[in-house]
Amino acid sequence: MQLLDKLLEVAVPKNAADDHYLLYPTFTWRALEYFGWDYAKYLIRPAVRYVTRPPAAKAMPAIDELIEEHGLLSRVLRYKTDESETEAVTALAETIAHCNTFEEFQATRPSLRWKHLVSAVQAAAISHGRLQEVYDNARGVIHF
């Protein structure tokens, strides 16, 4: 019970932003009481990770405007590749090759690599003093 008390000390203040901070550990606790504590090491870990993660990022209106301006959420994506992508992939590879961050890119978690790639392109553009040229190249390659 002390574990749940400690977990709820963190969860309750966050509950105003999202009720799952309170519900997830509470229902996990109830499930363990029903199924048995032999499953605790499997069921408690995700609830603890959820409750202890930082709250959602603050809204970024400038980013939201860019997403809207370029139609990133409404764009229809292809399901199959074709020969027209060869040139775009080659250009993207050349852009990445000019960055000194390839090893860092490979070491980045796969789910976050796109952020790393965008950051690398921005850094390359700024460091080479060709911000617009590199951005336009990346824009054409990544299609954003």
C-alpha atoms as a PDB file:
ATOM      1  CA  MET A   1       0.000   0.000   0.000  1.00  0.00           C
ATOM      2  CA  GLN A   2       2.954   2.341   0.608  1.00  0.00           C
ATOM      3  CA  LEU A   3       3.924   1.956  -3.045  1.00  0.00           C
ATOM      4  CA  LEU A   4       0.495   3.108  -4.206  1.00  0.00           C
ATOM      5  CA  ASP A   5       0.578   6.013  -1.751  1.00  0.00           C
ATOM      6  CA  LYS A   6       3.948   7.183  -3.100  1.00  0.00           C
ATOM      7  CA  LEU A   7       2.782   6.755  -6.688  1.00  0.00           C
ATOM      8  CA  LEU A   8      -0.392   8.724  -6.054  1.00  0.00           C
ATOM      9  CA  GLU A   9       1.618  11.545  -4.470  1.00  0.00           C
ATOM     10  CA  VAL A  10       3.053  12.104  -7.936  1.00  0.00           C
ATOM     11  CA  ALA A  11      -0.119  11.231  -9.870  1.00  0.00           C
ATOM     12  CA  VAL A  12      -2.711  13.352  -8.091  1.00  0.00           C
ATOM     13  CA  PRO A  13      -1.177  16.776  -8.927  1.00  0.00           C
ATOM     14  CA  LYS A  14      -0.913  15.738 -12.588  1.00  0.00           C
ATOM     15  CA  ASN A  15      -4.517  14.517 -12.616  1.00  0.00           C
ATOM     16  CA  ALA A  16      -5.774  18.004 -13.486  1.00  0.00           C
ATOM     17  CA  ALA A  17      -4.005  17.757 -16.840  1.00  0.00           C
ATOM     18  CA  ASP A  18      -4.942  14.129 -17.568  1.00  0.00           C
ATOM     19  CA  ASP A  19      -7.071  11.803 -15.463  1.00  0.00           C
ATOM     20  CA  HIS A  20      -5.056   8.793 -16.623  1.00  0.00           C
ATOM     21  CA  TYR A  21      -2.303   9.786 -14.205  1.00  0.00           C
ATOM     22  CA  LEU A  22      -4.641   8.724 -11.409  1.00  0.00           C
ATOM     23  CA  LEU A  23      -6.626   6.008 -13.193  1.00  0.00           C
ATOM     24  CA  TYR A  24      -3.744   3.970 -14.601  1.00  0.00           C
ATOM     25  CA  PRO A  25      -1.968   3.181 -11.301  1.00  0.00           C
ATOM     26  CA  THR A  26      -5.262   2.764  -9.445  1.00  0.00           C
ATOM     27  CA  PHE A  27      -6.671   0.255 -11.922  1.00  0.00           C
ATOM     28  CA  THR A  28      -3.305  -1.504 -12.137  1.00  0.00           C
ATOM     29  CA  TRP A  29      -3.377  -1.876  -8.362  1.00  0.00           C
ATOM     30  CA  ARG A  30      -6.904  -3.273  -8.480  1.00  0.00           C
ATOM     31  CA  ALA A  31      -5.914  -5.700 -11.241  1.00  0.00           C
ATOM     32  CA  LEU A  32      -3.011  -6.960  -9.137  1.00  0.00           C
ATOM     33  CA  GLU A  33      -5.324  -7.505  -6.189  1.00  0.00           C
ATOM     34  CA  TYR A  34      -7.573  -9.574  -8.481  1.00  0.00           C
ATOM     35  CA  PHE A  35      -4.977 -11.517 -10.519  1.00  0.00           C
ATOM     36  CA  GLY A  36      -2.342 -11.803  -7.819  1.00  0.00           C
ATOM     37  CA  TRP A  37       0.894 -10.083  -6.949  1.00  0.00           C
ATOM     38  CA  ASP A  38       2.944 -12.577  -8.958  1.00  0.00           C
ATOM     39  CA  TYR A  39       2.259 -10.314 -11.960  1.00  0.00           C
ATOM     40  CA  ALA A  40       3.393  -7.135 -10.209  1.00  0.00           C
ATOM     41  CA  LYS A  41       6.761  -6.898 -11.946  1.00  0.00           C
ATOM     42  CA  TYR A  42       4.979  -6.939 -15.319  1.00  0.00           C
ATOM     43  CA  LEU A  43       2.022  -4.705 -14.549  1.00  0.00           C
ATOM     44  CA  ILE A  44       3.382  -2.037 -12.206  1.00  0.00           C
ATOM     45  CA  ARG A  45       6.364  -0.955 -14.300  1.00  0.00           C
ATOM     46  CA  PRO A  46       4.377   0.658 -17.151  1.00  0.00           C
ATOM     47  CA  ALA A  47       2.059   2.422 -14.698  1.00  0.00           C
ATOM     48  CA  VAL A  48       5.035   3.829 -12.774  1.00  0.00           C
ATOM     49  CA  ARG A  49       6.709   4.961 -15.986  1.00  0.00           C
ATOM     50  CA  TYR A  50       3.508   6.645 -17.156  1.00  0.00           C
ATOM     51  CA  VAL A  51       2.998   8.515 -13.882  1.00  0.00           C
ATOM     52  CA  THR A  52       6.617   9.625 -13.573  1.00  0.00           C
ATOM     53  CA  ARG A  53       7.053  10.839 -17.139  1.00  0.00           C
ATOM     54  CA  PRO A  54       7.104  14.580 -17.701  1.00  0.00           C
ATOM     55  CA  PRO A  55       3.778  16.180 -18.575  1.00  0.00           C
ATOM     56  CA  ALA A  56       2.983  16.855 -22.210  1.00  0.00           C
ATOM     57  CA  ALA A  57       4.947  19.554 -23.939  1.00  0.00           C
ATOM     58  CA  LYS A  58       3.529  23.047 -24.029  1.00  0.00           C
ATOM     59  CA  ALA A  59       1.722  24.200 -27.136  1.00  0.00           C
ATOM     60  CA  MET A  60       3.956  25.729 -29.786  1.00  0.00           C
ATOM     61  CA  PRO A  61       1.805  27.983 -31.987  1.00  0.00           C
ATOM     62  CA  ALA A  62       4.649  28.740 -34.403  1.00  0.00           C
ATOM     63  CA  ILE A  63       5.186  25.025 -35.071  1.00  0.00           C
ATOM     64  CA  ASP A  64       1.445  24.444 -35.366  1.00  0.00           C
ATOM     65  CA  GLU A  65       1.257  27.234 -37.949  1.00  0.00           C
ATOM     66  CA  LEU A  66       4.050  25.639 -39.993  1.00  0.00           C
ATOM     67  CA  ILE A  67       2.340  22.262 -39.861  1.00  0.00           C
ATOM     68  CA  GLU A  68      -0.870  23.860 -41.068  1.00  0.00           C
ATOM     69  CA  GLU A  69       0.874  25.997 -43.694  1.00  0.00           C
ATOM     70  CA  HIS A  70       2.558  22.980 -45.270  1.00  0.00           C
ATOM     71  CA  GLY A  71      -0.432  20.661 -44.820  1.00  0.00           C
ATOM     72  CA  LEU A  72       1.615  18.046 -42.984  1.00  0.00           C
ATOM     73  CA  LEU A  73      -1.361  16.437 -41.259  1.00  0.00           C
ATOM     74  CA  SER A  74      -3.665  16.473 -44.264  1.00  0.00           C
ATOM     75  CA  ARG A  75      -1.241  15.262 -46.915  1.00  0.00           C
ATOM     76  CA  VAL A  76      -1.879  11.903 -48.528  1.00  0.00           C
ATOM     77  CA  LEU A  77       1.197   9.703 -48.239  1.00  0.00           C
ATOM     78  CA  ARG A  78       2.231   7.030 -50.692  1.00  0.00           C
ATOM     79  CA  TYR A  79       2.018   3.392 -49.749  1.00  0.00           C
ATOM     80  CA  LYS A  80       4.507   2.117 -52.340  1.00  0.00           C
ATOM     81  CA  THR A  81       7.814   3.453 -53.560  1.00  0.00           C
ATOM     82  CA  ASP A  82       8.783   4.016 -57.171  1.00  0.00           C
ATOM     83  CA  GLU A  83      11.771   5.124 -59.239  1.00  0.00           C
ATOM     84  CA  SER A  84      10.996   8.814 -58.733  1.00  0.00           C
ATOM     85  CA  GLU A  85      12.193   8.522 -55.149  1.00  0.00           C
ATOM     86  CA  THR A  86      15.735   7.475 -56.079  1.00  0.00           C
ATOM     87  CA  GLU A  87      16.835  11.051 -56.746  1.00  0.00           C
ATOM     88  CA  ALA A  88      15.172  12.325 -53.564  1.00  0.00           C
ATOM     89  CA  VAL A  89      16.755   9.607 -51.409  1.00  0.00           C
ATOM     90  CA  THR A  90      20.162  10.294 -52.968  1.00  0.00           C
ATOM     91  CA  ALA A  91      19.824  14.016 -52.249  1.00  0.00           C
ATOM     92  CA  LEU A  92      18.795  13.283 -48.666  1.00  0.00           C
ATOM     93  CA  ALA A  93      21.793  10.963 -48.238  1.00  0.00           C
ATOM     94  CA  GLU A  94      24.114  13.697 -49.522  1.00  0.00           C
ATOM     95  CA  THR A  95      22.585  16.216 -47.114  1.00  0.00           C
ATOM     96  CA  ILE A  96      23.103  13.821 -44.211  1.00  0.00           C
ATOM     97  CA  ALA A  97      26.648  13.045 -45.351  1.00  0.00           C
ATOM     98  CA  HIS A  98      27.568  16.726 -45.029  1.00  0.00           C
ATOM     99  CA  CYS A  99      26.536  16.636 -41.383  1.00  0.00           C
ATOM    100  CA  ASN A 100      28.973  15.467 -38.729  1.00  0.00           C
ATOM    101  CA  THR A 101      26.155  13.808 -36.850  1.00  0.00           C
ATOM    102  CA  PHE A 102      25.704  10.517 -38.710  1.00  0.00           C
ATOM    103  CA  GLU A 103      27.005   8.447 -35.790  1.00  0.00           C
ATOM    104  CA  GLU A 104      24.718  10.339 -33.431  1.00  0.00           C
ATOM    105  CA  PHE A 105      21.819   9.676 -35.795  1.00  0.00           C
ATOM    106  CA  GLN A 106      22.501   5.930 -35.682  1.00  0.00           C
ATOM    107  CA  ALA A 107      22.736   6.038 -31.880  1.00  0.00           C
ATOM    108  CA  THR A 108      19.403   7.852 -31.568  1.00  0.00           C
ATOM    109  CA  ARG A 109      16.302   5.842 -30.721  1.00  0.00           C
ATOM    110  CA  PRO A 110      14.513   4.955 -33.977  1.00  0.00           C
ATOM    111  CA  SER A 111      11.322   6.743 -32.930  1.00  0.00           C
ATOM    112  CA  LEU A 112      13.249  10.023 -32.530  1.00  0.00           C
ATOM    113  CA  ARG A 113      15.534   9.850 -35.564  1.00  0.00           C
ATOM    114  CA  TRP A 114      13.351  12.152 -37.656  1.00  0.00           C
ATOM    115  CA  LYS A 115      13.822  14.915 -35.071  1.00  0.00           C
ATOM    116  CA  HIS A 116      17.547  14.334 -35.114  1.00  0.00           C
ATOM    117  CA  LEU A 117      17.593  14.492 -38.918  1.00  0.00           C
ATOM    118  CA  VAL A 118      15.678  17.780 -39.024  1.00  0.00           C
ATOM    119  CA  SER A 119      17.998  19.232 -36.365  1.00  0.00           C
ATOM    120  CA  ALA A 120      21.065  18.104 -38.307  1.00  0.00           C
ATOM    121  CA  VAL A 121      19.789  19.704 -41.504  1.00  0.00           C
ATOM    122  CA  GLN A 122      19.084  22.949 -39.640  1.00  0.00           C
ATOM    123  CA  ALA A 123      22.523  22.881 -38.012  1.00  0.00           C
ATOM    124  CA  ALA A 124      24.222  22.235 -41.351  1.00  0.00           C
ATOM    125  CA  ALA A 125      22.320  25.083 -42.939  1.00  0.00           C
ATOM    126  CA  ILE A 126      23.294  27.526 -40.219  1.00  0.00           C
ATOM    127  CA  SER A 127      26.940  26.441 -39.983  1.00  0.00           C
ATOM    128  CA  HIS A 128      27.471  26.648 -43.740  1.00  0.00           C
ATOM    129  CA  GLY A 129      25.752  30.027 -43.951  1.00  0.00           C
ATOM    130  CA  ARG A 130      23.367  28.659 -46.533  1.00  0.00           C
ATOM    131  CA  LEU A 131      20.237  28.444 -44.458  1.00  0.00           C
ATOM    132  CA  GLN A 132      17.734  28.935 -47.264  1.00  0.00           C
ATOM    133  CA  GLU A 133      19.588  26.760 -49.781  1.00  0.00           C
ATOM    134  CA  VAL A 134      19.968  23.800 -47.402  1.00  0.00           C
ATOM    135  CA  TYR A 135      16.425  24.225 -46.128  1.00  0.00           C
ATOM    136  CA  ASP A 136      15.058  24.241 -49.692  1.00  0.00           C
ATOM    137  CA  ASN A 137      17.118  21.142 -50.515  1.00  0.00           C
ATOM    138  CA  ALA A 138      15.867  19.343 -47.406  1.00  0.00           C
ATOM    139  CA  ARG A 139      12.343  20.551 -48.073  1.00  0.00           C
ATOM    140  CA  GLY A 140      12.427  19.070 -51.555  1.00  0.00           C
ATOM    141  CA  VAL A 141      13.901  15.815 -50.328  1.00  0.00           C
ATOM    142  CA  ILE A 142      11.812  15.286 -47.215  1.00  0.00           C
ATOM    143  CA  HIS A 143       8.665  16.821 -48.741  1.00  0.00           C
ATOM    144  CA  PHE A 144       7.641  19.099 -45.915  1.00  0.00           C
END
